[in-house]
Amino acid sequence: MNKLKNRLDPSSGKPSSRMTERDEASRLRASSNDLLTLYLCKNFNARYFAFVIFAFSMKIFFICSKKPKSQEAFRRMTELYGQASADEAEYIVVLSGDGAILRAFHENFDKKIPVYGMNLGKVGFLANDYSAENLPERIGRAVQTNFHPLRVIAERSDGETFSSIAVNEVYLLRETHQSAKIEIKVDGVLKMKELVCDGLISSTPIGSSAYNYSAGGPIIPVGSKLTALTPISSFRPRNWRGAVLPEDCELDFEVIDHASRPVCVVADYVEFRRTYRAKVFLDKSVTLTLLFDKDNTFKNKIINEQFLT
């Protein structure tokens, strides 16, 4: 106990300035018995003890990209807060950009773990500002955005199938210099016999401000129970600008002349080439949770995005 007391500033009960960040992190990972003993020391600050217990009882799985800035943040965060496995974690913290956040959802959606992004990429629309300080407190105060992803089931003419969730969007895209020709059905009803285009986007509210918005589609608020269907460079019919649909609509796409006009299906970043047909629907069996700081909510981001000039 004396050894632990000597490593604290007697006046505040907080770590001595002589301690390195690594020493501090190691000390805070002490056993619960050591922490209890430390708490009973006369000069130990009870509020600080409460923070220690909160911080190190939180199991976090950190994810980073290959970029040096992201890897340096990963090193520092894991030294400060430890690194839980994906199977035991209560939270996933992504130290990168939007692409890594999408990948974290794809790789861990079955674990039902909330994701908290910290932007070390370029756009960071799905992320919060990066700071190594007070991470457990930020997570504890964060606002939850719960949503269902899309599910795409695609098929090639040889019978090979593909299935994936999509957080942002599912899109069909021509693979060659020739335009794609796509038949569209909504809830089994033929709505467009032939759309000649570069592609077609089915977007969630979460993804509506991304590729969908760039292609001329609408931004849709989370919780609106709507999805967007937006053409990419529509050629025939030239004046069709897409549709806003109830989220429970099931979409069926069939690629016309698929052998000579091949089309790729993409679920966020996962590709399935030379697709013959695809079905897209909201997968209500999966609920994803994205965390945002209170001054950085997704609702505010969606509103602000529409007034950018």
Foldseek 3Di string as FASTA:
>chain_A
DVVVVVQADQQAQHGDPPDDLLRVLVVLPDDPVVLVVSCPDPRHDVVVSVVSCLQAVAAEAEAFDPDPVRVVLVVSLCSNRNHDDLQPHQEYEYSEADLVVQVCCQVRLVSQHAYAYAYPYDPRLLHAHDDSPPVSVQQVQWDKQKDFWKKKWFAAPVGDIDIGTAHFKKKKAWDDPAWWWKWKDKQNHTDRGTWTARMKIKGDLVNCLPPVVVQPHDRDDRPPQKIWIATRGTDVVNPDGTDIGGQAIKMKMATPPLVVTKMWIQRSHDIDTSTGMMIMHTDPVTMYIYIDGPVSDSRVSSVVSVPDD
